[in-house]
Amino acid sequence: MYPWDKRDPSKPGKLRLMYEANPMSFLIEQAGGASINGKDRIMALPAEKLHQRVSVMLGSKNEVDLLQKYHQ
């Protein structure tokens, strides 16, 4: 879990979408888990910039669903 924090509001997360978050999310989802940024699936996020940062929460489907409920 690398959630967004208020230390640097200009950075919406720590991991880069294209070459850190997407590959991990792909593997987790293929294994039956889930991966979100707090609201949406990581794999469904559009890439707007090459070094776009996102917050990442990944793991078992049940645990990630629980985290998603907390963030709504």
C-alpha atoms as a PDB file:
ATOM      1  CA  MET A   1       0.000   0.000   0.000  1.00  0.00           C
ATOM      2  CA  TYR A   2       1.341   3.407  -1.049  1.00  0.00           C
ATOM      3  CA  PRO A   3      -1.548   5.786  -0.367  1.00  0.00           C
ATOM      4  CA  TRP A   4      -1.585   9.497  -1.137  1.00  0.00           C
ATOM      5  CA  ASP A   5      -0.592  11.725   1.762  1.00  0.00           C
ATOM      6  CA  LYS A   6      -0.686  15.437   2.510  1.00  0.00           C
ATOM      7  CA  ARG A   7       3.082  15.964   2.786  1.00  0.00           C
ATOM      8  CA  ASP A   8       3.303  17.001  -0.878  1.00  0.00           C
ATOM      9  CA  PRO A   9      -0.203  17.637  -2.286  1.00  0.00           C
ATOM     10  CA  SER A  10       1.176  18.146  -5.803  1.00  0.00           C
ATOM     11  CA  LYS A  11       2.092  14.437  -5.963  1.00  0.00           C
ATOM     12  CA  PRO A  12      -1.005  12.212  -5.939  1.00  0.00           C
ATOM     13  CA  GLY A  13       1.019   9.143  -4.964  1.00  0.00           C
ATOM     14  CA  LYS A  14       4.456   7.621  -4.851  1.00  0.00           C
ATOM     15  CA  LEU A  15       4.488   5.040  -7.643  1.00  0.00           C
ATOM     16  CA  ARG A  16       4.500   5.795 -11.354  1.00  0.00           C
ATOM     17  CA  LEU A  17       1.475   4.478 -13.220  1.00  0.00           C
ATOM     18  CA  MET A  18       3.103   3.198 -16.399  1.00  0.00           C
ATOM     19  CA  TYR A  19       6.102   1.304 -15.096  1.00  0.00           C
ATOM     20  CA  GLU A  20       5.403   0.548 -11.433  1.00  0.00           C
ATOM     21  CA  ALA A  21       1.675   0.509 -10.663  1.00  0.00           C
ATOM     22  CA  ASN A  22       0.342  -1.059 -13.892  1.00  0.00           C
ATOM     23  CA  PRO A  23       2.740  -4.045 -13.980  1.00  0.00           C
ATOM     24  CA  MET A  24       2.103  -4.876 -10.308  1.00  0.00           C
ATOM     25  CA  SER A  25      -1.653  -4.425 -10.761  1.00  0.00           C
ATOM     26  CA  PHE A  26      -1.661  -6.723 -13.779  1.00  0.00           C
ATOM     27  CA  LEU A  27       0.059  -9.506 -11.829  1.00  0.00           C
ATOM     28  CA  ILE A  28      -2.160  -9.074  -8.763  1.00  0.00           C
ATOM     29  CA  GLU A  29      -5.371  -9.133 -10.839  1.00  0.00           C
ATOM     30  CA  GLN A  30      -4.209 -12.218 -12.764  1.00  0.00           C
ATOM     31  CA  ALA A  31      -3.727 -13.950  -9.405  1.00  0.00           C
ATOM     32  CA  GLY A  32      -7.298 -13.118  -8.331  1.00  0.00           C
ATOM     33  CA  GLY A  33      -6.590  -9.977  -6.306  1.00  0.00           C
ATOM     34  CA  ALA A  34      -7.462  -6.332  -6.830  1.00  0.00           C
ATOM     35  CA  SER A  35      -5.622  -3.046  -7.191  1.00  0.00           C
ATOM     36  CA  ILE A  36      -7.043   0.449  -6.700  1.00  0.00           C
ATOM     37  CA  ASN A  37      -5.894   4.029  -6.199  1.00  0.00           C
ATOM     38  CA  GLY A  38      -8.508   4.546  -3.489  1.00  0.00           C
ATOM     39  CA  LYS A  39     -11.443   4.929  -5.857  1.00  0.00           C
ATOM     40  CA  ASP A  40     -10.751   3.317  -9.244  1.00  0.00           C
ATOM     41  CA  ARG A  41      -8.981   0.247 -10.605  1.00  0.00           C
ATOM     42  CA  ILE A  42      -5.349   0.996 -11.425  1.00  0.00           C
ATOM     43  CA  MET A  43      -5.621  -0.851 -14.753  1.00  0.00           C
ATOM     44  CA  ALA A  44      -8.559   1.366 -15.784  1.00  0.00           C
ATOM     45  CA  LEU A  45      -6.741   4.662 -15.181  1.00  0.00           C
ATOM     46  CA  PRO A  46      -5.800   6.554 -18.352  1.00  0.00           C
ATOM     47  CA  ALA A  47      -2.141   7.477 -18.692  1.00  0.00           C
ATOM     48  CA  GLU A  48      -1.918  11.243 -19.068  1.00  0.00           C
ATOM     49  CA  LYS A  49       1.850  11.678 -18.599  1.00  0.00           C
ATOM     50  CA  LEU A  50       4.833   9.360 -18.817  1.00  0.00           C
ATOM     51  CA  HIS A  51       5.819   9.845 -15.156  1.00  0.00           C
ATOM     52  CA  GLN A  52       2.263  10.171 -13.798  1.00  0.00           C
ATOM     53  CA  ARG A  53       2.123   9.219 -10.123  1.00  0.00           C
ATOM     54  CA  VAL A  54      -0.727   7.332  -8.463  1.00  0.00           C
ATOM     55  CA  SER A  55      -1.488   6.014  -5.035  1.00  0.00           C
ATOM     56  CA  VAL A  56      -1.620   2.217  -4.936  1.00  0.00           C
ATOM     57  CA  MET A  57      -3.501  -0.243  -2.771  1.00  0.00           C
ATOM     58  CA  LEU A  58      -3.254  -3.844  -3.863  1.00  0.00           C
ATOM     59  CA  GLY A  59      -3.798  -7.271  -2.427  1.00  0.00           C
ATOM     60  CA  SER A  60      -6.563  -9.807  -1.925  1.00  0.00           C
ATOM     61  CA  LYS A  61      -9.938  -8.840  -3.388  1.00  0.00           C
ATOM     62  CA  ASN A  62     -11.663  -8.840   0.020  1.00  0.00           C
ATOM     63  CA  GLU A  63      -9.086  -6.582   1.668  1.00  0.00           C
ATOM     64  CA  VAL A  64      -8.984  -4.123  -1.237  1.00  0.00           C
ATOM     65  CA  ASP A  65     -12.804  -3.967  -1.335  1.00  0.00           C
ATOM     66  CA  LEU A  66     -12.744  -3.077   2.370  1.00  0.00           C
ATOM     67  CA  LEU A  67     -10.176  -0.323   1.732  1.00  0.00           C
ATOM     68  CA  GLN A  68     -12.300   1.026  -1.115  1.00  0.00           C
ATOM     69  CA  LYS A  69     -15.318   1.271   1.199  1.00  0.00           C
ATOM     70  CA  TYR A  70     -13.206   3.269   3.694  1.00  0.00           C
ATOM     71  CA  HIS A  71     -12.140   5.717   0.975  1.00  0.00           C
ATOM     72  CA  GLN A  72     -15.667   6.378  -0.269  1.00  0.00           C
END
